[in-house]
Amino acid sequence: MDDLRFPSFSLEGRCAFVTGASRGIGQALSLGLAGAGADLILAARSAETLEVTAEAVRARGRKARVLAMDVSDVASVRGGFAELGWTNGAGIDILINNAGTEEVCPSDDVREVLWDRIVDTNLKGAFFCAQEAHRIMRARGGGAIVNVCSLTSGVGVPTAVPYGASKSGLLGMTRALAAEWAPDGVRVNAIGPGYFRTELTEVFYQDDAWAAAMQAKIPAGRFGRMDDLLGAVVFLCSDASAYVTGQLLYIDGGFMASI
């Protein structure tokens, strides 16, 4: 046991690319990665909306670059990665596929435009971002990709069929890419946030009866706080998880374990 090494959770010297980084979970994860030592590339559809996140990253002593990119548009994804212009061995070590959208709708009322908007953002966009990142990481000897899944990756939720389909697909993609890219040193994992109050989900929390009933189902007795997500993501991006790939880690206060 003399060769046993304590794992490092430090991300010092690494560059992380985060999609959907202007608000909510993406913003929180960006700041958490910066706190662990990473520099950031922050992506969203509008570069202007990213400036608050970028300034907060810089206030933590890390570099931040903003990038306007629509993940639902493959040409925009490829153009965004190309715009970064990797030179002198520079590149990304971490990709957080966080960009996502959701809209509840009875299944009989789902129209093609709604299906395409949700699936193209949550699933197709994540794949093509991962594809671009893999090419860079493979050339650099490895990296870590973390996909932001959902409780709906594992359970069915009425009126959320397009969203659940996209997040279930994202879990399948996580496992398949992990198996394919492990020889390249690229690890692919996922987190499954439980009930977190964000701008995207705020409409649900406005219903006091819904909020009370849902909170009662969570063994931890509370909804998630953004800082509850940070340790898991830093772990999955660091050398501490060097032998972990193809996994989904629920961060849900015990919700999935209790149903």
Protein backbone atom coordinates (compact mmCIF):
# COMPACT_ATOMS: atom_id res chain seq x y z
CA MET A 1 0.00 0.00 0.00
CA ASP A 2 3.03 2.29 -0.06
CA ASP A 3 2.08 3.45 -3.56
CA LEU A 4 -1.42 4.56 -2.52
CA ARG A 5 -1.95 8.16 -3.61
CA PHE A 6 -4.56 10.53 -2.26
CA PRO A 7 -6.60 11.70 -5.28
CA SER A 8 -6.52 15.34 -6.36
CA PHE A 9 -9.73 17.30 -6.78
CA SER A 10 -7.86 20.32 -8.13
CA LEU A 11 -8.66 21.63 -11.61
CA GLU A 12 -5.72 24.01 -11.62
CA GLY A 13 -4.38 24.58 -15.12
CA ARG A 14 -7.42 23.13 -16.87
CA CYS A 15 -9.92 24.76 -19.19
CA ALA A 16 -13.63 24.01 -18.91
CA PHE A 17 -16.24 24.70 -21.59
CA VAL A 18 -19.76 25.17 -20.17
CA THR A 19 -22.89 25.49 -22.31
CA GLY A 20 -25.93 27.37 -21.06
CA ALA A 21 -23.63 29.26 -18.70
CA SER A 22 -25.52 32.53 -18.43
CA ARG A 23 -27.89 31.52 -15.65
CA GLY A 24 -29.14 28.80 -13.32
CA ILE A 25 -27.26 25.53 -13.08
CA GLY A 26 -24.82 26.43 -15.85
CA GLN A 27 -23.80 29.61 -14.10
CA ALA A 28 -23.40 27.83 -10.76
CA LEU A 29 -21.31 25.04 -12.26
CA SER A 30 -19.08 27.58 -14.00
CA LEU A 31 -18.34 29.30 -10.69
CA GLY A 32 -17.79 25.96 -8.97
CA LEU A 33 -15.24 24.90 -11.58
CA ALA A 34 -13.52 28.27 -11.29
CA GLY A 35 -13.37 27.79 -7.53
CA ALA A 36 -11.58 24.49 -8.10
CA GLY A 37 -8.98 26.20 -10.31
CA ALA A 38 -10.29 25.94 -13.87
CA ASP A 39 -10.38 28.66 -16.49
CA LEU A 40 -13.70 28.93 -18.32
CA ILE A 41 -15.14 29.20 -21.79
CA LEU A 42 -18.75 30.23 -21.32
CA ALA A 43 -21.28 29.56 -24.08
CA ALA A 44 -24.87 30.66 -24.61
CA ARG A 45 -26.96 31.99 -27.49
CA SER A 46 -26.11 35.58 -26.57
CA ALA A 47 -22.63 36.65 -25.52
CA GLU A 48 -24.06 39.63 -23.64
CA THR A 49 -25.99 37.42 -21.22
CA LEU A 50 -22.74 35.71 -20.22
CA GLU A 51 -20.96 38.77 -18.89
CA VAL A 52 -22.27 38.43 -15.32
CA THR A 53 -20.95 34.86 -15.16
CA ALA A 54 -17.66 35.88 -16.78
CA GLU A 55 -17.07 38.68 -14.29
CA ALA A 56 -17.82 36.35 -11.38
CA VAL A 57 -15.30 33.84 -12.76
CA ARG A 58 -12.67 36.56 -13.11
CA ALA A 59 -13.39 37.74 -9.58
CA ARG A 60 -12.30 34.26 -8.47
CA GLY A 61 -8.95 34.79 -10.16
CA ARG A 62 -9.65 32.66 -13.22
CA LYS A 63 -9.80 33.48 -16.93
CA ALA A 64 -13.15 33.63 -18.71
CA ARG A 65 -14.03 33.85 -22.38
CA VAL A 66 -17.58 34.21 -23.69
CA LEU A 67 -18.88 32.57 -26.84
CA ALA A 68 -22.19 33.11 -28.64
CA MET A 69 -23.36 29.68 -29.76
CA ASP A 70 -26.74 28.02 -30.29
CA VAL A 71 -26.33 24.35 -29.39
CA SER A 72 -29.50 23.39 -31.28
CA ASP A 73 -27.80 24.45 -34.53
CA VAL A 74 -24.96 22.11 -35.55
CA ALA A 75 -23.38 24.75 -37.78
CA SER A 76 -23.33 27.15 -34.83
CA VAL A 77 -21.69 24.52 -32.62
CA ARG A 78 -19.00 23.75 -35.14
CA GLY A 79 -18.46 27.42 -35.87
CA GLY A 80 -18.21 28.20 -32.16
CA PHE A 81 -15.54 25.60 -31.53
CA ALA A 82 -13.66 26.70 -34.63
CA GLU A 83 -13.83 30.34 -33.51
CA LEU A 84 -11.85 29.50 -30.39
CA GLY A 85 -8.84 28.85 -32.62
CA TRP A 86 -6.81 26.36 -30.60
CA THR A 87 -3.11 27.16 -30.94
CA ASN A 88 0.15 26.32 -29.16
CA GLY A 89 -1.30 23.21 -27.56
CA ALA A 90 -4.25 25.07 -26.05
CA GLY A 91 -7.61 23.36 -25.81
CA ILE A 92 -10.29 22.23 -23.45
CA ASP A 93 -9.99 19.60 -20.75
CA ILE A 94 -13.61 19.64 -19.54
CA LEU A 95 -16.99 19.95 -21.25
CA ILE A 96 -20.19 20.53 -19.29
CA ASN A 97 -23.20 19.88 -21.51
CA ASN A 98 -25.71 21.93 -19.55
CA ALA A 99 -27.71 23.91 -22.13
CA GLY A 100 -31.32 22.81 -22.02
CA THR A 101 -34.94 23.80 -22.33
CA GLU A 102 -38.23 22.44 -21.03
CA GLU A 103 -41.93 22.98 -21.57
CA VAL A 104 -44.73 20.89 -20.11
CA CYS A 105 -47.51 19.99 -22.48
CA PRO A 106 -50.12 17.19 -22.65
CA SER A 107 -48.77 14.61 -25.05
CA ASP A 108 -51.77 14.87 -27.38
CA ASP A 109 -50.97 18.56 -27.83
CA VAL A 110 -47.24 18.21 -28.59
CA ARG A 111 -46.40 19.65 -31.98
CA GLU A 112 -43.32 19.02 -34.08
CA VAL A 113 -41.90 22.48 -33.42
CA LEU A 114 -42.01 21.91 -29.65
CA TRP A 115 -40.50 18.42 -29.95
CA ASP A 116 -37.69 19.68 -32.17
CA ARG A 117 -36.88 22.65 -29.96
CA ILE A 118 -36.51 20.52 -26.83
CA VAL A 119 -34.78 17.49 -28.35
CA ASP A 120 -32.48 19.55 -30.58
CA THR A 121 -31.30 21.60 -27.60
CA ASN A 122 -31.09 18.94 -24.91
CA LEU A 123 -29.88 15.93 -26.89
CA LYS A 124 -28.69 16.77 -30.40
CA GLY A 125 -26.81 19.83 -29.16
CA ALA A 126 -25.13 17.88 -26.39
CA PHE A 127 -23.96 15.22 -28.83
CA PHE A 128 -22.40 17.61 -31.32
CA CYS A 129 -20.72 19.61 -28.54
CA ALA A 130 -19.32 16.33 -27.20
CA GLN A 131 -18.15 15.34 -30.67
CA GLU A 132 -16.22 18.60 -31.11
CA ALA A 133 -14.79 18.39 -27.59
CA HIS A 134 -13.71 14.78 -28.06
CA ARG A 135 -11.61 15.65 -31.09
CA ILE A 136 -9.75 18.25 -29.06
CA MET A 137 -9.43 16.11 -25.92
CA ARG A 138 -8.22 13.06 -27.83
CA ALA A 139 -5.39 15.09 -29.32
CA ARG A 140 -4.47 16.32 -25.84
CA GLY A 141 -4.46 12.86 -24.28
CA GLY A 142 -7.83 12.90 -22.52
CA GLY A 143 -10.49 14.92 -20.79
CA ALA A 144 -13.80 14.81 -18.95
CA ILE A 145 -17.33 15.38 -20.23
CA VAL A 146 -20.26 15.81 -17.86
CA ASN A 147 -23.79 15.80 -19.24
CA VAL A 148 -26.57 17.38 -17.20
CA CYS A 149 -29.33 14.78 -17.17
CA SER A 150 -32.47 14.86 -15.04
CA LEU A 151 -34.75 12.81 -12.84
CA THR A 152 -36.64 12.16 -16.09
CA SER A 153 -33.61 10.22 -17.31
CA GLY A 154 -34.86 7.46 -14.99
CA VAL A 155 -38.57 8.03 -14.38
CA GLY A 156 -41.55 9.04 -16.47
CA VAL A 157 -43.20 12.41 -15.80
CA PRO A 158 -46.63 13.14 -17.28
CA THR A 159 -46.79 16.12 -19.68
CA ALA A 160 -42.98 16.11 -20.06
CA VAL A 161 -42.57 13.57 -22.86
CA PRO A 162 -40.25 15.57 -25.17
CA TYR A 163 -38.11 16.61 -22.20
CA GLY A 164 -38.03 13.11 -20.73
CA ALA A 165 -37.20 11.62 -24.11
CA SER A 166 -34.31 14.04 -24.52
CA LYS A 167 -32.92 13.41 -21.04
CA SER A 168 -33.32 9.63 -21.28
CA GLY A 169 -31.52 9.82 -24.60
CA LEU A 170 -28.80 11.91 -22.99
CA LEU A 171 -28.18 9.13 -20.46
CA GLY A 172 -27.98 6.55 -23.25
CA MET A 173 -25.57 8.81 -25.09
CA THR A 174 -23.46 9.19 -21.95
CA ARG A 175 -23.04 5.43 -21.61
CA ALA A 176 -22.35 4.81 -25.29
CA LEU A 177 -19.76 7.58 -25.60
CA ALA A 178 -18.10 6.49 -22.35
CA ALA A 179 -17.60 3.00 -23.76
CA GLU A 180 -16.36 4.28 -27.12
CA TRP A 181 -14.06 7.05 -25.93
CA ALA A 182 -12.47 5.45 -22.85
CA PRO A 183 -9.47 4.25 -24.91
CA ASP A 184 -8.82 7.90 -25.81
CA GLY A 185 -8.69 8.88 -22.14
CA VAL A 186 -11.97 10.78 -22.44
CA ARG A 187 -14.39 10.06 -19.62
CA VAL A 188 -18.11 10.74 -20.06
CA ASN A 189 -20.41 10.94 -17.04
CA ALA A 190 -23.64 12.63 -16.07
CA ILE A 191 -25.34 14.27 -13.13
CA GLY A 192 -29.07 14.10 -12.47
CA PRO A 193 -30.18 17.16 -10.50
CA GLY A 194 -33.35 16.66 -8.49
CA TYR A 195 -35.65 19.55 -7.67
CA PHE A 196 -33.71 22.80 -7.94
CA ARG A 197 -35.38 26.18 -8.20
CA THR A 198 -34.10 27.94 -11.33
CA GLU A 199 -35.42 30.49 -13.81
CA LEU A 200 -36.42 27.61 -16.07
CA THR A 201 -38.41 25.80 -13.36
CA GLU A 202 -39.70 28.81 -11.42
CA VAL A 203 -43.20 28.44 -12.85
CA PHE A 204 -43.66 25.17 -10.95
CA TYR A 205 -42.54 26.62 -7.61
CA GLN A 206 -45.09 29.42 -7.91
CA ASP A 207 -47.71 26.76 -7.15
CA ASP A 208 -47.52 26.48 -3.34
CA ALA A 209 -49.52 23.25 -3.23
CA TRP A 210 -47.24 21.60 -5.80
CA ALA A 211 -44.11 22.78 -3.99
CA ALA A 212 -45.31 21.50 -0.62
CA ALA A 213 -46.34 18.12 -2.02
CA MET A 214 -43.07 17.70 -3.91
CA GLN A 215 -40.87 18.69 -0.99
CA ALA A 216 -42.67 16.12 1.17
CA LYS A 217 -41.43 13.40 -1.24
CA ILE A 218 -37.76 14.32 -0.81
CA PRO A 219 -36.13 12.37 2.06
CA ALA A 220 -33.71 15.22 2.77
CA GLY A 221 -36.73 17.44 3.40
CA ARG A 222 -35.71 20.34 1.16
CA PHE A 223 -35.17 21.37 -2.42
CA GLY A 224 -31.66 21.48 -3.81
CA ARG A 225 -29.35 24.48 -3.49
CA MET A 226 -26.97 25.31 -6.29
CA ASP A 227 -23.93 24.59 -4.15
CA ASP A 228 -25.21 21.03 -3.70
CA LEU A 229 -24.19 20.40 -7.31
CA LEU A 230 -20.64 21.64 -7.17
CA GLY A 231 -18.81 18.86 -5.33
CA ALA A 232 -20.16 16.16 -7.62
CA VAL A 233 -19.20 18.02 -10.77
CA VAL A 234 -15.71 18.91 -9.54
CA PHE A 235 -15.23 15.26 -8.62
CA LEU A 236 -16.31 14.03 -12.06
CA CYS A 237 -14.01 16.55 -13.77
CA SER A 238 -10.96 15.88 -11.62
CA ASP A 239 -8.35 13.15 -11.33
CA ALA A 240 -10.23 11.89 -8.27
CA SER A 241 -12.65 10.18 -10.69
CA ALA A 242 -9.99 8.90 -13.11
CA TYR A 243 -11.57 5.41 -13.17
CA VAL A 244 -15.19 6.60 -13.32
CA THR A 245 -16.95 6.75 -16.69
CA GLY A 246 -20.42 6.03 -18.05
CA GLN A 247 -22.12 6.85 -14.74
CA LEU A 248 -25.11 8.98 -13.75
CA LEU A 249 -24.92 10.53 -10.29
CA TYR A 250 -28.29 11.74 -9.00
CA ILE A 251 -28.10 14.82 -6.79
CA ASP A 252 -31.61 14.76 -5.44
CA GLY A 253 -31.74 14.54 -1.65
CA GLY A 254 -32.61 10.84 -1.88
CA PHE A 255 -35.64 11.25 -4.13
CA MET A 256 -34.78 8.51 -6.63
CA ALA A 257 -33.75 6.11 -3.86
CA SER A 258 -37.14 6.45 -2.18
CA ILE A 259 -39.59 5.96 -5.03
